[in-house]
Amino acid sequence: MAYMSRMSGDSGPSLFGDAAPAGGGYLVLARKYRPRTFEDLIGQEAMVRTIANSFALDRIPHAYILTGVRGVGKTTTARLLARALNYESDTIKKPSIELNPLGVHCREIMESRHPDVFEMDAASRTGIGDIRELLDGVRYAPVTARTKVYIIDEVHMLSTAAFNGLLKTLEEPPPHVKFIFATTEIRKVPVTVLSRCQRFDLKRVPPDRLATHLTNICAAENVQVDADGIALVARAAEGSVRDGLSLLDQAMVQKPDGAPVTAADIRDMLGLADRLRVADLFDAVARGDAKSALIEIRAQYDAGADPALILRDLLEIGHEAARVQALGADARIVGGQDWAQRIRAIATSLSPAQLSRLWQMLLKALEEAARAPEPIAAAEMALVRLCAAATIPPPEEIAKMIKGGVSSVQARGEKAPDKTAPAEAPKLEQFEDVLALIDGARDIDLQVAVERYVRLVAFAPGRILFEPAPGMPEDLPSRLARKLADWTGDTWDVRADATGGVESFAESRARARAEALEELKRHPFVADALAAFPGATIKDWRKSDTDEKGTVVPMKSPAPRQKRKEGQQ
């Protein structure tokens, strides 16, 4: 959706935003640039298109519910809908999303004083009495407009009794009544209410889209803010236009002398660290350089950066690098060419497994920093763990090293292997090699599943055909193929659609143990013991020794207990 040309200073009266206070004074940007028409809404094209089509086809629902995060325009959209449903001008006498010029009822609706548009904040009026009071006039026709509109904000805050009181009217409302609900917690709204409403999920505004909007507002306000600073504000807003405007309001007063507001000014305002310095910190962690990492995070903390925000920036870097690995040249990186090159360099230097491990550990660190009495201490301890983990090779390299004969000491990272020498891919010539590779990689879940459910029918390098044992997880073939591809570098075709397979490894092991137990029961010593104690069973046993023929020999009996001394009780 294009931004409105009136923001660029075209002639004619502006409809964008609330009017200035009657007694003078400053009007905050969030109110001054509040959307006045559907064209002013940012990033909600799908919703506007649906509403326009329903008006054109005269298929207008009797109830809407708008959901989304704070500041994306739920309440504003509700008021726009109230105006659209009652729009009336000299030439238009029906619902319309074209709200320019102002209609007969527009001004009163925008100022929340129209007699046929009722607004209620469910956060402060939650009871059944409030709903009854609101709905008392439903049966009466509108006073001046075509339609009575009931707007209930934060509708999820209503009590159970209030929802029940609303249901009957919501199910069979009079033709002259429309309901518009808004909520940030859609899951708390009863399904009986949701099923009677047309639902619109208002989207978060992407950072680049929001940055363009904020840049246009800076131009309209004659305030200079660096593009990098605008990008920081847009990123901190997390998709909320209102939050972005509130932060921009704060940013505009950083230089009272009228000088341009720089990214450093906004970074200090937000408590953020320099993104390039955070990238340096990420590089130090990835190298396992704990000393450099601790020095850098402490320097950023002393400069005013919030430890939790530093960890969030590290998470964002890891996420962007993972996206670059997956999407390649199609990955879009916001932040300029230098930043894009830095992210791509990180994506090239680390494997997907290493990035995933860093992400998981950083996510845990962020939770710890939120709970810790000293967040900087929690962040530093997290960096120490991350640097220690960086010396551990990824699972696919461990599997290759084990297959190539690398010692377990090296695999644990006590002596890092020479990364300049390429590891030879494991050669899997029989199915037992596959089992050994899985065991060496310490993938316990996969090992248990393969041993339990794979009844091998045919094996060749790059291909496994087996009969599934009962209860096999549906994703086992694809999971095994994916792991083998990661470990060997080759494509594997793993199928579980055959019959006539040999017994699985677990079944073979269970059968061998059962046969050994039966053989043990036939041993004269054990047979005599079982005969002497009718009903006794062997709960557990283990091999302690074998004779020359491999026959199990029972463990020696313990030494006889010494006789008690005379006089001992």
Protein backbone atom coordinates (compact mmCIF):
# COMPACT_ATOMS: atom_id res chain seq x y z
CA MET A 1 0.00 0.00 0.00
CA ALA A 2 1.53 3.30 -0.99
CA TYR A 3 2.11 5.99 1.58
CA MET A 4 -0.22 8.94 1.29
CA SER A 5 0.99 11.73 -0.95
CA ARG A 6 -0.23 14.33 1.52
CA MET A 7 2.68 13.35 3.76
CA SER A 8 4.98 14.78 1.11
CA GLY A 9 3.34 18.16 1.46
CA ASP A 10 0.74 18.27 -1.32
CA SER A 11 -1.83 21.03 -1.29
CA GLY A 12 -5.21 20.73 0.39
CA PRO A 13 -6.30 19.95 3.93
CA SER A 14 -4.61 16.99 5.65
CA LEU A 15 -6.70 14.23 7.17
CA PHE A 16 -3.68 12.42 8.63
CA GLY A 17 -3.67 12.36 12.42
CA ASP A 18 -5.55 14.05 15.22
CA ALA A 19 -6.04 17.79 15.30
CA ALA A 20 -3.72 19.90 17.45
CA PRO A 21 -4.94 20.70 20.98
CA ALA A 22 -7.34 23.62 21.09
CA GLY A 23 -5.25 25.49 23.66
CA GLY A 24 -2.00 24.91 21.82
CA GLY A 25 0.76 22.61 23.02
CA TYR A 26 2.53 19.61 21.57
CA LEU A 27 0.71 16.65 20.05
CA VAL A 28 2.71 13.42 20.19
CA LEU A 29 3.56 11.74 16.89
CA ALA A 30 1.49 8.65 17.69
CA ARG A 31 -1.64 10.85 17.72
CA LYS A 32 -0.56 13.37 15.13
CA TYR A 33 0.04 10.68 12.51
CA ARG A 34 -2.77 8.30 13.43
CA PRO A 35 -4.35 6.92 10.21
CA ARG A 36 -7.49 8.76 9.11
CA THR A 37 -8.28 6.59 6.07
CA PHE A 38 -7.71 2.98 5.11
CA GLU A 39 -4.95 4.12 2.74
CA ASP A 40 -3.01 5.40 5.75
CA LEU A 41 -2.83 1.93 7.32
CA ILE A 42 0.60 0.37 6.89
CA GLY A 43 1.09 -3.28 6.01
CA GLN A 44 -2.58 -4.34 6.27
CA GLU A 45 -3.41 -4.64 2.58
CA ALA A 46 -5.08 -8.06 2.84
CA MET A 47 -7.54 -6.84 5.46
CA VAL A 48 -8.38 -3.67 3.53
CA ARG A 49 -8.91 -5.67 0.34
CA THR A 50 -11.29 -8.08 2.10
CA ILE A 51 -13.32 -5.24 3.61
CA ALA A 52 -13.51 -3.44 0.25
CA ASN A 53 -14.73 -6.59 -1.50
CA SER A 54 -17.36 -7.28 1.15
CA PHE A 55 -18.68 -3.73 0.75
CA ALA A 56 -18.74 -4.01 -3.04
CA LEU A 57 -20.62 -7.34 -2.90
CA ASP A 58 -22.90 -6.20 -0.07
CA ARG A 59 -21.75 -9.16 2.06
CA ILE A 60 -21.01 -7.26 5.26
CA PRO A 61 -20.73 -9.38 8.45
CA HIS A 62 -22.52 -8.32 11.59
CA ALA A 63 -19.41 -8.70 13.77
CA TYR A 64 -15.66 -8.24 13.33
CA ILE A 65 -12.81 -9.19 15.65
CA LEU A 66 -9.40 -7.55 15.19
CA THR A 67 -6.33 -9.11 16.77
CA GLY A 68 -2.62 -8.34 16.77
CA VAL A 69 0.22 -7.07 18.90
CA ARG A 70 0.09 -3.66 20.54
CA GLY A 71 0.32 -0.64 18.29
CA VAL A 72 -0.53 -2.21 14.92
CA GLY A 73 -3.82 -0.30 14.59
CA LYS A 74 -6.63 -2.41 16.03
CA THR A 75 -8.55 0.43 17.70
CA THR A 76 -7.82 2.79 14.81
CA THR A 77 -9.11 0.19 12.33
CA ALA A 78 -12.26 -0.25 14.45
CA ARG A 79 -13.00 3.47 14.21
CA LEU A 80 -12.27 3.48 10.48
CA LEU A 81 -14.74 0.60 10.10
CA ALA A 82 -17.36 2.54 12.06
CA ARG A 83 -16.88 5.49 9.68
CA ALA A 84 -16.93 3.24 6.60
CA LEU A 85 -20.16 1.51 7.65
CA ASN A 86 -21.84 4.90 8.16
CA TYR A 87 -20.12 6.86 5.40
CA GLU A 88 -22.42 9.38 3.77
CA SER A 89 -21.63 12.29 1.47
CA ASP A 90 -23.44 14.26 -1.20
CA THR A 91 -22.86 11.48 -3.74
CA ILE A 92 -22.37 8.33 -1.61
CA LYS A 93 -25.15 6.86 0.54
CA LYS A 94 -23.77 3.39 1.30
CA PRO A 95 -20.82 1.78 3.12
CA SER A 96 -17.53 2.76 1.55
CA ILE A 97 -13.83 2.44 2.37
CA GLU A 98 -13.16 5.68 0.47
CA LEU A 99 -13.28 8.11 3.39
CA ASN A 100 -11.96 11.19 1.64
CA PRO A 101 -13.51 13.74 1.75
CA LEU A 102 -14.97 13.62 5.24
CA GLY A 103 -18.50 12.27 5.37
CA VAL A 104 -21.47 13.55 7.32
CA HIS A 105 -20.68 11.43 10.39
CA CYS A 106 -16.88 11.18 10.13
CA ARG A 107 -15.89 14.05 12.39
CA GLU A 108 -18.11 12.97 15.28
CA ILE A 109 -16.98 9.35 15.01
CA MET A 110 -13.30 10.37 14.98
CA GLU A 111 -13.83 12.47 18.08
CA SER A 112 -15.74 9.63 19.84
CA ARG A 113 -18.94 11.67 20.28
CA HIS A 114 -21.32 10.14 17.74
CA PRO A 115 -24.63 9.01 19.33
CA ASP A 116 -24.74 5.79 17.27
CA VAL A 117 -21.13 4.62 17.80
CA PHE A 118 -20.48 3.21 21.27
CA GLU A 119 -16.96 2.46 22.56
CA MET A 120 -16.23 0.41 25.66
CA ASP A 121 -12.89 -0.53 27.22
CA ALA A 122 -13.30 -4.07 28.51
CA ALA A 123 -10.13 -3.69 30.58
CA SER A 124 -12.00 -1.44 33.03
CA ARG A 125 -15.61 -2.57 32.46
CA THR A 126 -15.60 -6.34 32.60
CA GLY A 127 -18.86 -7.39 34.23
CA ILE A 128 -22.27 -8.52 33.06
CA GLY A 129 -23.77 -5.25 34.28
CA ASP A 130 -21.53 -3.26 31.94
CA ILE A 131 -22.57 -5.40 28.96
CA ARG A 132 -26.26 -5.10 29.81
CA GLU A 133 -25.94 -1.34 30.07
CA LEU A 134 -24.21 -1.23 26.69
CA LEU A 135 -26.75 -3.46 24.98
CA ASP A 136 -29.89 -1.85 26.39
CA GLY A 137 -30.26 0.27 23.27
CA VAL A 138 -29.61 -2.46 20.70
CA ARG A 139 -33.27 -2.88 19.87
CA TYR A 140 -33.68 0.82 19.08
CA ALA A 141 -32.95 2.22 15.63
CA PRO A 142 -29.96 4.53 15.08
CA VAL A 143 -30.47 8.21 15.84
CA THR A 144 -28.77 9.77 12.82
CA ALA A 145 -26.56 7.17 11.11
CA ARG A 146 -27.40 4.05 9.12
CA THR A 147 -25.89 1.61 11.59
CA LYS A 148 -25.30 1.37 15.30
CA VAL A 149 -21.71 0.29 15.91
CA TYR A 150 -20.50 -1.21 19.19
CA ILE A 151 -16.69 -1.15 19.62
CA ILE A 152 -15.33 -3.20 22.54
CA ASP A 153 -11.57 -2.86 23.06
CA GLU A 154 -9.54 -5.57 24.84
CA VAL A 155 -12.59 -7.82 24.62
CA HIS A 156 -10.69 -10.78 26.11
CA MET A 157 -10.90 -9.02 29.51
CA LEU A 158 -14.66 -9.57 29.76
CA SER A 159 -15.83 -11.97 32.44
CA THR A 160 -17.45 -15.29 31.60
CA ALA A 161 -20.84 -13.92 32.60
CA ALA A 162 -20.31 -10.87 30.39
CA PHE A 163 -19.47 -13.06 27.40
CA ASN A 164 -22.57 -15.16 28.04
CA GLY A 165 -24.67 -12.01 28.20
CA LEU A 166 -23.25 -10.88 24.87
CA LEU A 167 -23.75 -14.17 23.02
CA LYS A 168 -27.49 -14.01 22.37
CA THR A 169 -27.36 -10.52 20.89
CA LEU A 170 -24.20 -11.41 18.95
CA GLU A 171 -25.86 -14.48 17.47
CA GLU A 172 -29.02 -12.72 16.24
CA PRO A 173 -28.37 -8.97 16.17
CA PRO A 174 -30.86 -6.53 14.63
CA PRO A 175 -29.97 -5.59 11.02
CA HIS A 176 -29.03 -2.06 12.07
CA VAL A 177 -26.31 -3.21 14.56
CA LYS A 178 -22.64 -4.08 13.99
CA PHE A 179 -20.06 -5.23 16.54
CA ILE A 180 -16.32 -4.60 16.31
CA PHE A 181 -14.06 -6.28 18.87
CA ALA A 182 -10.33 -5.70 19.38
CA THR A 183 -7.92 -7.84 21.40
CA THR A 184 -4.26 -8.64 21.89
CA GLU A 185 -5.09 -12.05 23.43
CA ILE A 186 -7.22 -13.84 20.85
CA ARG A 187 -6.82 -17.21 22.62
CA LYS A 188 -8.64 -15.88 25.67
CA VAL A 189 -11.76 -15.10 23.66
CA PRO A 190 -14.32 -17.95 23.86
CA VAL A 191 -14.74 -19.92 20.65
CA THR A 192 -18.47 -19.29 20.86
CA VAL A 193 -17.70 -15.61 20.28
CA LEU A 194 -14.99 -16.20 17.66
CA SER A 195 -17.28 -18.39 15.58
CA ARG A 196 -19.75 -15.52 15.23
CA CYS A 197 -17.19 -12.94 14.04
CA GLN A 198 -15.17 -12.27 10.91
CA ARG A 199 -11.59 -12.33 12.13
CA PHE A 200 -8.72 -10.12 10.95
CA ASP A 201 -5.16 -10.66 12.17
CA LEU A 202 -3.34 -7.36 11.84
CA LYS A 203 0.26 -8.01 10.89
CA ARG A 204 3.43 -6.68 12.43
CA VAL A 205 4.93 -4.05 10.17
CA PRO A 206 8.31 -5.18 8.72
CA PRO A 207 11.29 -3.07 9.86
CA ASP A 208 12.11 -1.76 6.37
CA ARG A 209 8.49 -0.74 5.78
CA LEU A 210 8.29 0.96 9.16
CA ALA A 211 11.64 2.70 8.55
CA THR A 212 10.26 4.23 5.33
CA HIS A 213 7.20 5.46 7.21
CA LEU A 214 9.34 7.00 9.97
CA THR A 215 11.59 8.65 7.38
CA ASN A 216 8.56 10.30 5.77
CA ILE A 217 7.43 11.59 9.17
CA CYS A 218 10.90 13.02 9.86
CA ALA A 219 10.70 14.89 6.56
CA ALA A 220 7.24 16.22 7.45
CA GLU A 221 8.54 17.35 10.85
CA ASN A 222 11.70 18.92 9.36
CA VAL A 223 13.92 16.83 11.64
CA GLN A 224 17.06 15.10 10.38
CA VAL A 225 17.70 11.57 11.65
CA ASP A 226 20.38 9.30 10.21
CA ALA A 227 19.12 6.36 8.17
CA ASP A 228 20.96 3.96 10.50
CA GLY A 229 19.25 5.64 13.45
CA ILE A 230 15.84 5.21 11.81
CA ALA A 231 16.66 1.54 11.25
CA LEU A 232 17.49 1.15 14.96
CA VAL A 233 14.14 2.69 15.93
CA ALA A 234 12.25 0.49 13.46
CA ARG A 235 13.99 -2.62 14.78
CA ALA A 236 13.32 -1.70 18.42
CA ALA A 237 9.61 -1.16 17.66
CA GLU A 238 9.21 -4.89 16.88
CA GLY A 239 6.50 -4.34 14.28
CA SER A 240 4.43 -1.84 16.29
CA VAL A 241 3.81 1.45 14.50
CA ARG A 242 2.78 3.18 17.72
CA ASP A 243 5.93 2.03 19.51
CA GLY A 244 7.99 3.22 16.56
CA LEU A 245 6.38 6.67 16.66
CA SER A 246 6.85 6.92 20.43
CA LEU A 247 10.54 6.05 20.09
CA LEU A 248 10.90 8.51 17.20
CA ASP A 249 9.33 11.19 19.39
CA GLN A 250 12.03 10.50 21.94
CA ALA A 251 14.77 10.43 19.32
CA MET A 252 13.83 13.81 17.86
CA VAL A 253 14.70 15.63 21.09
CA GLN A 254 18.19 14.15 21.39
CA LYS A 255 19.67 17.22 19.67
CA PRO A 256 17.87 20.35 20.93
CA ASP A 257 20.16 22.56 18.84
CA GLY A 258 18.61 21.23 15.64
CA ALA A 259 21.67 19.19 14.61
CA PRO A 260 21.06 15.85 12.87
CA VAL A 261 20.30 12.96 15.22
CA THR A 262 22.88 10.22 14.68
CA ALA A 263 22.67 6.47 15.10
CA ALA A 264 25.01 6.79 18.09
CA ASP A 265 22.52 9.15 19.77
CA ILE A 266 19.69 6.68 19.28
CA ARG A 267 21.85 3.76 20.33
CA ASP A 268 22.64 5.54 23.60
CA MET A 269 18.95 6.39 24.02
CA LEU A 270 17.90 2.76 23.58
CA GLY A 271 20.77 1.31 25.59
CA LEU A 272 22.04 -0.61 22.57
CA ALA A 273 25.60 -1.55 21.71
CA ASP A 274 27.17 -0.82 18.34
CA ARG A 275 26.03 -3.60 15.99
CA LEU A 276 29.51 -3.95 14.50
CA ARG A 277 30.95 -4.33 17.99
CA VAL A 278 28.35 -6.97 18.74
CA ALA A 279 29.44 -8.73 15.54
CA ASP A 280 33.03 -8.59 16.86
CA LEU A 281 31.76 -10.17 20.07
CA PHE A 282 30.00 -12.89 18.07
CA ASP A 283 33.24 -13.60 16.16
CA ALA A 284 35.18 -13.91 19.44
CA VAL A 285 32.62 -16.37 20.81
CA ALA A 286 32.68 -18.41 17.60
CA ARG A 287 36.49 -18.62 17.81
CA GLY A 288 36.34 -19.70 21.45
CA ASP A 289 38.31 -16.62 22.53
CA ALA A 290 36.89 -16.16 26.04
CA LYS A 291 39.31 -13.37 26.99
CA SER A 292 38.39 -11.15 24.04
CA ALA A 293 34.68 -11.90 24.51
CA LEU A 294 34.70 -10.91 28.18
CA ILE A 295 36.70 -7.74 27.54
CA GLU A 296 34.33 -6.70 24.74
CA ILE A 297 31.05 -7.31 26.59
CA ARG A 298 32.36 -5.51 29.67
CA ALA A 299 33.39 -2.52 27.52
CA GLN A 300 29.94 -2.40 25.95
CA TYR A 301 28.32 -2.67 29.39
CA ASP A 302 30.47 0.16 30.74
CA ALA A 303 29.40 2.26 27.74
CA GLY A 304 25.75 1.87 28.80
CA ALA A 305 24.61 -1.19 26.82
CA ASP A 306 22.05 -3.48 28.45
CA PRO A 307 23.42 -7.07 28.82
CA ALA A 308 20.06 -8.54 27.84
CA LEU A 309 19.98 -6.43 24.67
CA ILE A 310 23.53 -7.52 23.83
CA LEU A 311 22.43 -11.16 24.08
CA ARG A 312 19.40 -10.39 21.90
CA ASP A 313 21.66 -8.80 19.29
CA LEU A 314 23.86 -11.90 19.36
CA LEU A 315 20.74 -14.02 18.83
CA GLU A 316 19.74 -11.84 15.88
CA ILE A 317 23.17 -12.22 14.30
CA GLY A 318 22.96 -16.00 14.65
CA HIS A 319 19.47 -16.00 13.15
CA GLU A 320 20.47 -13.83 10.19
CA ALA A 321 23.54 -15.99 9.52
CA ALA A 322 21.41 -19.14 9.59
CA ARG A 323 18.97 -17.56 7.11
CA VAL A 324 21.88 -16.71 4.81
CA GLN A 325 23.06 -20.32 4.96
CA ALA A 326 19.60 -21.61 4.08
CA LEU A 327 18.54 -18.98 1.50
CA GLY A 328 21.89 -18.08 -0.03
CA ALA A 329 21.71 -15.12 -2.39
CA ASP A 330 17.93 -14.81 -1.79
CA ALA A 331 18.46 -13.83 1.86
CA ARG A 332 17.56 -10.21 2.58
CA ILE A 333 19.70 -8.48 5.22
CA VAL A 334 18.60 -5.13 6.61
CA GLY A 335 21.38 -2.78 7.68
CA GLY A 336 23.52 -1.74 4.72
CA GLN A 337 26.16 -3.37 2.57
CA ASP A 338 28.86 -3.51 5.27
CA TRP A 339 26.53 -5.24 7.68
CA ALA A 340 25.37 -7.69 5.01
CA GLN A 341 28.98 -8.60 4.20
CA ARG A 342 29.68 -9.17 7.89
CA ILE A 343 26.71 -11.49 8.29
CA ARG A 344 27.61 -13.45 5.17
CA ALA A 345 31.16 -13.87 6.45
CA ILE A 346 29.84 -15.33 9.71
CA ALA A 347 27.51 -17.64 7.79
CA THR A 348 30.45 -18.91 5.75
CA SER A 349 32.76 -19.50 8.71
CA LEU A 350 30.35 -21.64 10.76
CA SER A 351 28.42 -24.81 10.05
CA PRO A 352 24.63 -25.05 10.47
CA ALA A 353 25.14 -27.30 13.50
CA GLN A 354 27.44 -24.75 15.15
CA LEU A 355 25.00 -21.89 14.52
CA SER A 356 22.15 -23.97 15.92
CA ARG A 357 24.16 -24.76 19.03
CA LEU A 358 25.07 -21.09 19.54
CA TRP A 359 21.40 -20.11 19.14
CA GLN A 360 20.20 -22.62 21.74
CA MET A 361 22.83 -21.59 24.27
CA LEU A 362 22.20 -17.86 23.72
CA LEU A 363 18.47 -18.39 24.18
CA LYS A 364 19.17 -20.09 27.50
CA ALA A 365 21.55 -17.26 28.43
CA LEU A 366 18.86 -14.66 27.75
CA GLU A 367 16.49 -16.43 30.16
CA GLU A 368 19.22 -16.58 32.81
CA ALA A 369 20.07 -12.89 32.41
CA ALA A 370 16.40 -11.98 32.99
CA ARG A 371 16.37 -13.90 36.30
CA ALA A 372 19.86 -13.12 37.57
CA PRO A 373 20.39 -10.42 40.22
CA GLU A 374 23.28 -9.11 38.10
CA PRO A 375 22.49 -9.54 34.38
CA ILE A 376 26.06 -8.70 33.34
CA ALA A 377 27.40 -11.58 35.46
CA ALA A 378 24.93 -13.99 33.86
CA ALA A 379 25.88 -12.73 30.40
CA GLU A 380 29.60 -13.16 31.09
CA MET A 381 29.13 -16.70 32.41
CA ALA A 382 27.11 -17.51 29.31
CA LEU A 383 29.93 -16.26 27.08
CA VAL A 384 32.42 -18.46 28.95
CA ARG A 385 30.20 -21.50 28.25
CA LEU A 386 29.79 -20.50 24.62
CA CYS A 387 33.53 -20.14 24.13
CA ALA A 388 34.13 -23.54 25.75
CA ALA A 389 31.53 -25.13 23.49
CA ALA A 390 33.07 -23.50 20.41
CA THR A 391 36.10 -25.83 20.68
CA ILE A 392 33.87 -28.90 20.37
CA PRO A 393 33.52 -29.96 16.73
CA PRO A 394 30.01 -30.32 15.32
CA PRO A 395 28.42 -33.81 15.36
CA GLU A 396 29.11 -34.51 11.71
CA GLU A 397 32.83 -33.85 12.21
CA ILE A 398 32.89 -35.99 15.36
CA ALA A 399 31.42 -38.90 13.40
CA LYS A 400 34.03 -38.48 10.69
CA MET A 401 36.84 -38.27 13.22
CA ILE A 402 35.69 -41.40 15.02
CA LYS A 403 35.45 -43.28 11.74
CA GLY A 404 38.89 -42.02 10.76
CA GLY A 405 40.44 -43.12 14.05
CA VAL A 406 40.75 -39.79 15.82
CA SER A 407 41.15 -40.28 19.57
CA SER A 408 38.31 -39.58 21.95
CA VAL A 409 40.46 -36.95 23.64
CA GLN A 410 40.54 -34.95 20.42
CA ALA A 411 36.82 -35.49 19.87
CA ARG A 412 36.07 -34.02 23.29
CA GLY A 413 37.92 -30.88 22.30
CA GLU A 414 40.84 -31.24 24.74
CA LYS A 415 43.10 -30.94 21.73
CA ALA A 416 41.46 -29.36 18.76
CA PRO A 417 42.01 -31.16 15.45
CA ASP A 418 43.76 -29.49 12.59
CA LYS A 419 40.86 -27.88 10.67
CA THR A 420 43.07 -27.31 7.63
CA ALA A 421 43.21 -31.05 6.96
CA PRO A 422 39.90 -32.21 5.52
CA ALA A 423 38.33 -35.14 7.35
CA GLU A 424 37.72 -38.19 5.23
CA ALA A 425 34.06 -39.10 4.85
CA PRO A 426 33.17 -42.41 6.51
CA LYS A 427 32.79 -45.40 4.22
CA LEU A 428 29.64 -47.36 4.92
CA GLU A 429 29.95 -50.74 3.24
CA GLN A 430 27.48 -52.67 5.39
CA PHE A 431 24.60 -51.87 7.70
CA GLU A 432 26.75 -52.52 10.78
CA ASP A 433 28.87 -49.54 9.69
CA VAL A 434 25.75 -47.38 9.86
CA LEU A 435 25.05 -48.55 13.40
CA ALA A 436 28.66 -47.84 14.38
CA LEU A 437 28.48 -44.35 12.85
CA ILE A 438 25.30 -43.50 14.76
CA ASP A 439 26.84 -44.81 17.98
CA GLY A 440 29.99 -42.74 17.41
CA ALA A 441 27.96 -39.59 16.82
CA ARG A 442 26.18 -40.15 20.17
CA ASP A 443 22.76 -39.62 18.61
CA ILE A 444 20.97 -41.69 21.23
CA ASP A 445 17.41 -41.14 19.99
CA LEU A 446 18.29 -42.17 16.45
CA GLN A 447 20.34 -45.13 17.66
CA VAL A 448 17.47 -46.51 19.76
CA ALA A 449 14.97 -46.04 16.92
CA VAL A 450 17.17 -47.73 14.28
CA GLU A 451 18.03 -50.67 16.51
CA ARG A 452 14.38 -51.17 17.50
CA TYR A 453 12.42 -50.62 14.28
CA VAL A 454 14.71 -51.38 11.28
CA ARG A 455 14.30 -54.92 9.88
CA LEU A 456 16.85 -54.78 7.10
CA VAL A 457 15.87 -56.07 3.65
CA ALA A 458 18.64 -54.64 1.47
CA PHE A 459 21.67 -52.38 1.92
CA ALA A 460 23.99 -50.64 -0.50
CA PRO A 461 26.05 -47.46 -0.15
CA GLY A 462 23.52 -44.64 -0.45
CA ARG A 463 20.46 -46.93 -0.16
CA ILE A 464 18.69 -48.68 2.73
CA LEU A 465 15.52 -50.72 2.31
CA PHE A 466 13.86 -52.15 5.40
CA GLU A 467 10.65 -53.52 6.85
CA PRO A 468 9.36 -51.35 9.70
CA ALA A 469 8.77 -52.97 13.07
CA PRO A 470 5.43 -52.15 14.73
CA GLY A 471 5.32 -48.69 16.29
CA MET A 472 7.99 -47.12 14.08
CA PRO A 473 7.91 -43.27 14.08
CA GLU A 474 6.79 -42.02 10.67
CA ASP A 475 9.76 -39.67 10.35
CA LEU A 476 12.44 -42.31 10.99
CA PRO A 477 13.33 -42.93 7.29
CA SER A 478 13.65 -39.21 6.51
CA ARG A 479 15.53 -38.53 9.76
CA LEU A 480 17.99 -41.35 9.10
CA ALA A 481 18.51 -40.20 5.50
CA ARG A 482 19.12 -36.63 6.61
CA LYS A 483 21.63 -37.61 9.29
CA LEU A 484 23.53 -39.91 6.93
CA ALA A 485 23.68 -37.15 4.35
CA ASP A 486 25.09 -34.76 6.96
CA TRP A 487 27.70 -37.25 8.12
CA THR A 488 28.80 -38.63 4.76
CA GLY A 489 28.15 -35.76 2.37
CA ASP A 490 26.20 -38.10 0.05
CA THR A 491 22.50 -38.40 -0.70
CA TRP A 492 20.82 -41.42 0.88
CA ASP A 493 17.62 -43.16 -0.17
CA VAL A 494 16.07 -44.70 2.95
CA ARG A 495 12.75 -46.51 2.54
CA ALA A 496 10.53 -48.46 4.93
CA ASP A 497 8.08 -49.95 2.42
CA ALA A 498 9.45 -53.50 2.10
CA THR A 499 8.56 -56.85 3.68
CA GLY A 500 10.54 -59.94 4.60
CA GLY A 501 13.29 -58.18 6.50
CA VAL A 502 15.56 -59.84 9.02
CA GLU A 503 14.94 -59.21 12.69
CA SER A 504 15.96 -55.82 14.00
CA PHE A 505 19.07 -55.37 16.09
CA ALA A 506 16.96 -55.05 19.25
CA GLU A 507 14.94 -58.14 18.35
CA SER A 508 18.13 -60.11 17.67
CA ARG A 509 19.61 -59.01 20.98
CA ALA A 510 16.42 -59.94 22.87
CA ARG A 511 16.31 -63.35 21.17
CA ALA A 512 19.94 -64.08 21.97
CA ARG A 513 19.42 -63.14 25.59
CA ALA A 514 16.31 -65.31 25.81
CA GLU A 515 18.20 -68.29 24.34
CA ALA A 516 21.06 -67.73 26.77
CA LEU A 517 18.60 -67.63 29.67
CA GLU A 518 17.04 -70.93 28.59
CA GLU A 519 20.51 -72.43 28.37
CA LEU A 520 21.27 -71.13 31.85
CA LYS A 521 18.12 -72.75 33.26
CA ARG A 522 19.31 -76.11 31.91
CA HIS A 523 22.60 -75.86 33.81
CA PRO A 524 22.56 -78.50 36.59
CA PHE A 525 23.39 -76.02 39.36
CA VAL A 526 20.65 -73.57 38.29
CA ALA A 527 18.14 -76.35 37.60
CA ASP A 528 18.70 -77.77 41.14
CA ALA A 529 18.22 -74.29 42.64
CA LEU A 530 14.96 -73.73 40.78
CA ALA A 531 13.73 -77.19 41.80
CA ALA A 532 14.58 -76.49 45.44
CA PHE A 533 12.53 -73.28 45.41
CA PRO A 534 9.24 -73.92 43.57
CA GLY A 535 7.81 -70.82 41.95
CA ALA A 536 11.16 -68.99 41.91
CA THR A 537 12.20 -67.10 38.78
CA ILE A 538 15.45 -65.63 37.56
CA LYS A 539 15.04 -61.84 37.66
CA ASP A 540 18.47 -60.98 36.25
CA TRP A 541 21.72 -62.60 35.33
CA ARG A 542 25.04 -61.85 33.73
CA LYS A 543 27.91 -63.80 32.34
CA SER A 544 30.78 -64.05 34.78
CA ASP A 545 33.00 -66.57 33.07
CA THR A 546 33.02 -69.23 30.37
CA ASP A 547 34.79 -72.52 29.98
CA GLU A 548 36.77 -73.58 26.95
CA LYS A 549 33.58 -74.46 25.04
CA GLY A 550 31.96 -71.11 25.76
CA THR A 551 29.46 -72.59 28.22
CA VAL A 552 28.31 -70.24 30.96
CA VAL A 553 29.86 -71.06 34.33
CA PRO A 554 27.97 -69.81 37.38
CA MET A 555 29.68 -67.38 39.69
CA LYS A 556 31.43 -68.95 42.63
CA SER A 557 29.46 -69.24 45.81
CA PRO A 558 30.45 -66.84 48.57
CA ALA A 559 32.73 -68.14 51.31
CA PRO A 560 30.88 -69.85 54.14
CA ARG A 561 30.01 -67.64 57.08
CA GLN A 562 32.30 -68.15 60.09
CA LYS A 563 30.85 -69.64 63.20
CA ARG A 564 29.92 -67.23 65.92
CA LYS A 565 32.18 -67.01 68.87
CA GLU A 566 30.99 -68.47 72.07
CA GLY A 567 28.83 -66.12 74.04
CA GLN A 568 27.93 -64.03 70.97
CA GLN A 569 24.19 -63.27 70.73
